[in-house]
Protein backbone atom coordinates (compact mmCIF):
# COMPACT_ATOMS: atom_id res chain seq x y z
CA MET A 1 162.44 -106.02 104.43
CA ARG A 2 159.04 -107.53 103.61
CA PHE A 3 158.33 -109.87 100.71
CA CYS A 4 154.95 -110.83 99.26
CA LYS A 5 156.16 -114.34 98.55
CA LEU A 6 156.41 -117.46 100.65
CA LEU A 7 159.63 -119.35 99.93
CA VAL A 8 159.93 -123.07 100.50
CA ILE A 9 163.43 -124.52 100.11
CA VAL A 10 163.14 -128.23 99.61
CA THR A 11 165.00 -131.40 98.82
CA ALA A 12 161.60 -133.06 98.38
CA LEU A 13 158.20 -131.93 97.11
CA VAL A 14 155.94 -129.82 99.28
CA ILE A 15 152.18 -130.25 99.50
CA SER A 16 149.27 -128.08 100.41
CA SER A 17 146.38 -128.99 102.63
CA LEU A 18 142.64 -128.91 102.83
CA ALA A 19 141.45 -127.16 105.98
CA GLN A 20 139.50 -129.35 108.36
CA ASN A 21 137.06 -128.09 110.92
CA ASP A 22 135.56 -129.89 113.89
CA ALA A 23 131.85 -130.59 113.65
CA ASP A 24 129.36 -130.72 116.49
CA GLY A 25 129.49 -133.36 119.19
CA PRO A 26 127.13 -136.32 119.64
CA THR A 27 123.35 -136.15 120.01
CA ASN A 28 123.00 -139.15 122.32
CA GLU A 29 122.77 -138.03 125.97
CA LYS A 30 125.26 -140.59 127.30
CA ALA A 31 127.60 -139.84 124.42
CA GLN A 32 127.43 -136.12 125.22
CA LYS A 33 128.66 -136.77 128.76
CA THR A 34 131.47 -138.99 127.50
CA TYR A 35 132.42 -136.40 124.88
CA LYS A 36 132.56 -133.67 127.55
CA GLN A 37 134.79 -135.92 129.66
CA ALA A 38 137.09 -136.40 126.66
CA LEU A 39 137.41 -132.62 126.27
CA ASP A 40 138.24 -132.34 129.97
CA TYR A 41 140.97 -134.94 129.53
CA LEU A 42 142.43 -132.84 126.75
CA LYS A 43 142.57 -129.81 129.03
CA GLN A 44 144.55 -131.95 131.47
CA HIS A 45 146.88 -133.04 128.65
CA MET A 46 145.71 -136.65 129.04
CA THR A 47 145.60 -137.37 125.33
CA GLY A 48 145.37 -141.16 125.56
CA ALA A 49 142.42 -141.03 127.95
CA ALA A 50 140.77 -138.38 125.76
CA LEU A 51 141.11 -140.57 122.67
CA ASP A 52 139.52 -143.53 124.48
CA SER A 53 136.60 -141.33 125.53
CA PHE A 54 136.10 -139.94 122.02
CA LYS A 55 135.98 -143.53 120.74
CA LYS A 56 133.44 -144.45 123.44
CA ALA A 57 131.30 -141.39 122.71
CA ASP A 58 131.30 -142.18 118.99
CA LYS A 59 130.20 -145.75 119.70
CA GLN A 60 127.46 -144.53 122.05
CA ASP A 61 126.30 -142.24 119.25
CA GLU A 62 126.21 -145.23 116.86
CA GLY A 63 129.06 -143.92 114.75
CA HIS A 64 127.39 -140.59 113.92
CA CYS A 65 129.47 -138.24 116.09
CA ARG A 66 131.42 -136.10 113.61
CA GLY A 67 133.17 -134.21 116.39
CA CYS A 68 134.30 -137.52 117.91
CA GLN A 69 135.51 -138.78 114.54
CA THR A 70 137.55 -135.63 113.90
CA LYS A 71 139.27 -136.02 117.26
CA MET A 72 139.78 -139.75 116.68
CA VAL A 73 141.59 -138.94 113.44
CA LYS A 74 143.71 -136.18 114.95
CA TYR A 75 144.81 -138.00 118.10
CA GLY A 76 144.79 -141.43 116.48
CA ILE A 77 147.46 -140.21 114.05
CA GLU A 78 149.32 -138.39 116.81
CA LEU A 79 149.48 -141.48 119.03
CA GLY A 80 149.90 -144.02 116.24
CA GLU A 81 146.47 -145.56 116.96
CA TRP A 82 145.91 -146.31 113.31
CA LYS A 83 142.89 -148.58 113.69
CA THR A 84 141.07 -145.83 115.56
CA ALA A 85 141.97 -143.20 112.97
CA GLU A 86 140.94 -145.50 110.11
CA THR A 87 137.61 -146.33 111.77
CA ALA A 88 136.82 -142.63 112.10
CA GLY A 89 137.81 -141.99 108.49
CA GLU A 90 135.64 -144.84 107.23
CA GLU A 91 132.68 -143.52 109.25
CA MET A 92 133.15 -140.09 107.68
CA VAL A 93 133.01 -141.69 104.23
CA ALA A 94 129.83 -143.58 105.16
CA GLU A 95 128.20 -140.39 106.48
CA ALA A 96 129.24 -138.15 103.57
CA GLN A 97 126.49 -136.69 101.42
CA GLY A 98 127.02 -135.19 97.98
CA GLY A 99 130.04 -135.13 95.70
CA LYS A 100 132.07 -132.51 97.56
CA ASP A 101 131.54 -134.03 101.01
CA LEU A 102 132.30 -137.51 99.68
CA ALA A 103 135.48 -136.26 98.01
CA ILE A 104 136.68 -134.64 101.24
CA ALA A 105 135.87 -137.78 103.23
CA HIS A 106 137.86 -140.03 100.88
CA TYR A 107 140.70 -137.48 100.90
CA ARG A 108 140.82 -137.52 104.71
CA LEU A 109 140.88 -141.31 104.80
CA GLY A 110 143.60 -141.30 102.16
CA MET A 111 145.65 -138.89 104.27
CA ILE A 112 145.27 -141.17 107.29
CA LEU A 113 146.49 -144.13 105.26
CA ARG A 114 149.38 -142.12 103.82
CA GLU A 115 150.59 -141.22 107.31
CA GLU A 116 150.14 -144.84 108.42
CA GLY A 117 152.14 -145.95 105.40
CA TYR A 118 155.00 -143.65 106.37
CA ASP A 119 154.89 -144.96 109.94
CA LYS A 120 154.72 -148.67 109.08
CA ARG A 121 156.69 -148.49 105.81
CA LYS A 122 154.25 -150.78 104.02
CA ASP A 123 153.48 -150.31 100.34
CA GLU A 124 150.10 -152.03 100.66
CA ILE A 125 148.95 -149.21 102.92
CA PHE A 126 150.15 -146.62 100.38
CA ALA A 127 148.20 -148.56 97.73
CA ARG A 128 145.06 -148.18 99.83
CA ALA A 129 145.81 -144.47 100.21
CA HIS A 130 146.01 -144.20 96.40
CA GLU A 131 142.63 -145.92 96.11
CA GLU A 132 141.07 -143.34 98.43
CA MET A 133 142.58 -140.43 96.49
CA THR A 134 141.24 -141.97 93.29
CA LYS A 135 137.76 -142.11 94.83
CA ALA A 136 138.12 -138.52 96.03
CA LEU A 137 138.96 -137.37 92.49
CA ALA A 138 136.10 -139.43 91.05
CA ALA A 139 133.74 -137.49 93.33
CA ALA A 140 135.36 -134.11 92.62
CA ALA A 141 137.81 -133.93 89.72
CA ASN A 142 138.83 -130.32 90.47
CA PHE A 143 140.58 -131.16 93.74
CA PRO A 144 144.23 -129.95 93.61
CA ASP A 145 145.15 -131.21 97.08
CA ALA A 146 144.02 -134.74 96.27
CA ILE A 147 145.87 -134.62 92.94
CA TYR A 148 149.13 -133.57 94.60
CA VAL A 149 148.94 -136.04 97.48
CA ASP A 150 148.08 -138.82 95.03
CA GLY A 151 151.20 -137.91 93.07
CA GLN A 152 153.23 -138.10 96.26
CA ILE A 153 151.79 -141.53 97.07
CA LEU A 154 152.42 -142.81 93.53
CA ALA A 155 156.01 -141.57 93.72
CA HIS A 156 156.49 -143.54 96.93
CA LEU A 157 155.12 -146.61 95.15
CA LYS A 158 157.71 -145.97 92.40
CA GLN A 159 154.99 -145.40 89.79
CA ASP A 160 156.99 -142.50 88.41
CA ASP A 161 155.09 -141.80 85.20
CA ALA A 162 151.74 -141.75 86.99
CA ALA A 163 153.17 -139.54 89.74
CA LYS A 164 154.63 -137.12 87.19
CA LYS A 165 151.24 -136.85 85.48
CA GLN A 166 149.57 -135.89 88.76
CA PHE A 167 152.24 -133.33 89.63
CA GLU A 168 151.94 -131.75 86.17
CA GLN A 169 148.17 -131.54 86.60
CA PHE A 170 148.61 -129.93 90.00
CA VAL A 171 150.96 -127.27 88.59
CA LYS A 172 148.46 -126.45 85.83
CA MET A 173 145.75 -125.91 88.45
CA ARG A 174 147.76 -123.43 90.53
CA PRO A 175 146.09 -119.99 90.39
CA GLU A 176 147.91 -117.09 88.73
CA GLY A 177 149.71 -114.94 91.28
CA ASP A 178 150.08 -117.79 93.77
CA PRO A 179 152.56 -116.51 96.41
CA LEU A 180 154.06 -119.96 97.02
CA VAL A 181 157.58 -120.26 95.63
CA VAL A 182 159.37 -123.60 95.67
CA LEU A 183 163.16 -123.78 95.29
CA SER A 184 164.80 -127.19 95.00
CA VAL A 185 168.40 -127.49 96.16
CA SER A 186 170.26 -130.58 94.97
CA LEU A 187 173.32 -132.02 96.69
CA ASP A 188 174.37 -133.95 93.57
CA ASP A 189 178.05 -133.63 92.74
CA ASP A 190 177.66 -134.52 89.04
CA GLU A 191 176.32 -131.43 87.24
CA ARG A 192 175.59 -133.22 83.98
CA LYS A 193 173.55 -136.00 85.61
CA TRP A 194 171.72 -133.38 87.70
CA LYS A 195 170.79 -131.31 84.63
CA ASP A 196 169.71 -134.41 82.72
CA PHE A 197 167.49 -135.47 85.62
CA VAL A 198 165.88 -132.01 85.90
CA THR A 199 165.25 -131.89 82.15
CA LYS A 200 163.95 -135.46 81.90
CA ASN A 201 161.49 -134.95 84.75
CA GLU A 202 160.44 -131.46 83.56
CA MET A 203 161.19 -129.86 86.92
CA THR A 204 160.27 -126.34 85.80
CA TRP A 205 160.42 -124.65 89.20
CA PRO A 206 163.70 -122.94 90.33
CA GLN A 207 166.61 -125.38 90.78
CA TYR A 208 170.05 -125.02 92.35
CA ARG A 209 172.91 -127.52 92.59
CA ASP A 210 174.86 -127.15 95.83
CA GLY A 211 177.31 -129.98 95.15
CA GLY A 212 177.06 -131.86 98.43
CA PHE A 213 176.75 -131.45 102.18
CA THR A 214 179.70 -129.04 102.17
CA GLY A 215 178.06 -126.69 99.63
CA PRO A 216 177.30 -123.07 100.61
CA VAL A 217 173.53 -123.53 101.01
CA ALA A 218 173.84 -126.85 102.87
CA THR A 219 176.44 -125.26 105.15
CA LEU A 220 174.37 -122.12 105.71
CA PHE A 221 171.31 -124.16 106.73
CA TYR A 222 173.28 -126.87 108.58
CA VAL A 223 171.93 -129.63 106.35
CA ARG A 224 173.21 -133.02 107.51
CA ALA A 225 170.46 -135.29 106.17
CA ILE A 226 167.96 -135.30 103.29
CA PRO A 227 165.19 -134.88 102.30
CA GLN A 228 164.93 -131.66 104.31
CA THR A 229 162.47 -128.78 104.01
CA PHE A 230 162.78 -125.15 105.09
CA THR A 231 159.78 -122.83 105.06
CA ILE A 232 160.46 -119.08 104.99
CA ASP A 233 157.51 -116.74 105.47
CA ALA A 234 156.62 -113.47 103.72
CA ASP A 235 158.74 -111.52 106.24
CA GLY A 236 161.83 -113.58 105.43
CA VAL A 237 161.66 -115.47 108.74
CA LEU A 238 162.39 -119.22 108.93
CA GLN A 239 159.12 -120.74 110.14
CA ASP A 240 159.72 -124.45 109.82
CA GLN A 241 162.55 -126.95 109.28
CA HIS A 242 162.21 -130.71 109.27
CA ILE A 243 163.83 -133.84 107.91
CA GLY A 244 161.89 -136.57 106.12
CA ASP A 245 158.66 -136.87 104.17
CA ALA A 246 156.23 -135.83 106.91
CA ALA A 247 153.52 -133.45 105.80
CA ILE A 248 153.83 -129.71 106.53
CA GLU A 249 150.66 -128.72 104.72
CA GLY A 250 148.79 -127.24 107.69
CA LYS A 251 151.43 -124.63 108.49
CA LEU A 252 152.10 -124.04 104.81
CA LYS A 253 148.48 -123.19 104.07
CA LYS A 254 148.41 -120.58 106.84
CA LEU A 255 151.62 -118.98 105.60
CA VAL A 256 150.37 -118.90 102.01
CA ALA A 257 147.17 -117.19 103.19
CA ARG A 258 149.22 -114.58 105.04
CA ALA A 259 151.41 -113.98 101.97
CA ARG A 260 148.27 -113.42 99.87
CA ASP A 261 147.05 -110.88 102.42
CA LEU A 262 150.36 -109.03 102.09
CA GLN A 263 150.04 -109.05 98.31
CA VAL A 264 146.65 -107.36 98.59
CA ALA A 265 147.84 -104.88 101.23
CA GLU A 266 150.90 -103.83 99.25
CA THR A 267 149.19 -103.51 95.84
CA PRO A 268 149.29 -99.78 94.89
CA LYS A 269 145.88 -98.17 94.81
CA GLN A 270 144.80 -96.76 91.47
C-alpha cells in the first residue's frame, strides 16, 4: 500500500534542512594540485589525510576556495575537528555576497556550532549558534530552516518561551499540503500531567500517550531510550531510527521531496 505522506514518529522535535552544494575548487595552481590530492585521499577512504589537504589547499588559495571550505565543514564535523569546521564556516560568511548568500552562510556556521555544542555539551557554544541564526534571520527573515533550528537551540538553552515562539513561527510558514506528518509518542504514565503539558505548550500536531517503555508502541518499535526518532517513508518503509538529538534533516528533506512527487503522481487528472 502506498501513502502520499511521510510519517515521522518522534519523542523529540524533527527539523528540516537547507540543501548544500559543493562549489568549484581553488584557482591557485598549487592549491589545485593539493585539492586534487585531497579528492584522491577520499577515494582511498583516507578521510583524515583528505581533510588536512583541503585545509592546505584553502590556505594556498588565501581562504577563497569554496570547494575546500565545504569539505572542511563536512569532514571537520564528521571527525570532530571543530576548529577546522568553524574556520571554513567563518570564511564562507566573509565571502558571502547579498542577503540570501549571507543568510545561508550564517546558517551554515550556526549549524556547525550547534553540532559542536552537542558534542562538547557547552551552552556557550549553543549561545554562539543562536547568534549565527539571529544573523541569518536578519539577512533573510523568510528562512524557515533557520527559524526552526534557532528554536531547537533556544530550547536546549532552556529559553522555553523564545523557543516556543520560533516553533510557532515555523509551523505558520509550512506550505499547505506539506506531506510531512509528525506524530509525538509520550512515555509519560500520568495522563493528566501529559495532557496539561500538551495544552500548555500548544502542541497541535498529533499526540499519543504510550504510558511507558512497556507500552504497545514502545514495545513494537523496541524503544529502550529516549529521545528516539523513527522516519517512515511514503511507501510505509522504516527509513531511519536513531536515539538522541542528532540532526536527521538531510535524509528527511529527500524523503519529503519524494512524498511530494507521489502526491503529484497520484493526483487524479481532470
